[in-house]
Amino acid sequence: MCTNIVYEWLKTLQLPQYAESFVDNGYDDLEVCKQIGDPDLDAIGVAVPHHRRRIHEAVRR
């Protein structure tokens, strides 16, 4: 299990199931996560529309 800042952030979004995929795809820092786009979410495996929306809304804050 990932125990880093990205895991904690995804946990607050109630999406911890994606933590390992985020880190495996190079999203191991919140600054990097701010650059995430739809192709990245595809590569990570975030297919559920409301999960994608939740992530997009969080990085815009």
Protein backbone atom coordinates (compact mmCIF):
# COMPACT_ATOMS: atom_id res chain seq x y z
CA MET A 1 0.00 0.00 0.00
CA CYS A 2 1.21 3.48 -0.83
CA THR A 3 1.87 5.61 2.23
CA ASN A 4 2.67 8.97 0.70
CA ILE A 5 1.05 12.34 0.21
CA VAL A 6 -0.74 11.24 -2.96
CA TYR A 7 -2.31 8.31 -1.11
CA GLU A 8 -3.47 10.64 1.67
CA TRP A 9 -4.87 13.10 -0.89
CA LEU A 10 -6.74 10.35 -2.75
CA LYS A 11 -8.03 9.07 0.59
CA THR A 12 -9.57 12.48 1.33
CA LEU A 13 -11.28 12.26 -2.08
CA GLN A 14 -12.52 8.77 -1.11
CA LEU A 15 -10.51 7.32 -4.02
CA PRO A 16 -7.61 5.46 -2.34
CA GLN A 17 -8.00 2.54 -4.74
CA TYR A 18 -6.11 4.56 -7.37
CA ALA A 19 -3.07 5.40 -5.21
CA GLU A 20 -0.82 2.61 -6.44
CA SER A 21 -1.65 3.37 -10.09
CA PHE A 22 -1.00 7.08 -9.57
CA VAL A 23 2.45 6.39 -8.13
CA ASP A 24 3.24 3.72 -10.74
CA ASN A 25 2.49 6.30 -13.45
CA GLY A 26 4.74 8.96 -11.93
CA TYR A 27 2.11 10.91 -10.00
CA ASP A 28 3.91 10.72 -6.67
CA ASP A 29 3.74 14.42 -5.79
CA LEU A 30 0.78 16.80 -5.52
CA GLU A 31 2.45 19.34 -7.82
CA VAL A 32 2.67 16.67 -10.51
CA CYS A 33 -0.96 15.71 -9.88
CA LYS A 34 -2.04 19.28 -10.66
CA GLN A 35 -0.99 18.64 -14.28
CA ILE A 36 -3.18 15.55 -14.69
CA GLY A 37 -5.44 15.35 -17.71
CA ASP A 38 -7.87 12.91 -19.26
CA PRO A 39 -5.20 10.87 -21.11
CA ASP A 40 -3.36 10.48 -17.79
CA LEU A 41 -6.51 9.32 -16.03
CA ASP A 42 -7.01 6.79 -18.83
CA ALA A 43 -3.46 5.47 -18.32
CA ILE A 44 -3.96 5.29 -14.56
CA GLY A 45 -7.22 3.40 -15.02
CA VAL A 46 -9.70 5.94 -13.68
CA ALA A 47 -12.69 5.06 -15.85
CA VAL A 48 -15.62 5.98 -13.60
CA PRO A 49 -16.90 9.41 -14.73
CA HIS A 50 -17.67 10.77 -11.25
CA HIS A 51 -14.24 9.65 -10.00
CA ARG A 52 -12.61 11.53 -12.88
CA ARG A 53 -14.72 14.59 -12.12
CA ARG A 54 -13.79 14.44 -8.42
CA ILE A 55 -10.08 14.36 -9.29
CA HIS A 56 -10.39 17.21 -11.82
CA GLU A 57 -12.28 19.36 -9.30
CA ALA A 58 -9.69 18.67 -6.60
CA VAL A 59 -6.70 19.65 -8.74
CA ARG A 60 -8.39 22.92 -9.74
CA ARG A 61 -8.58 24.00 -6.06
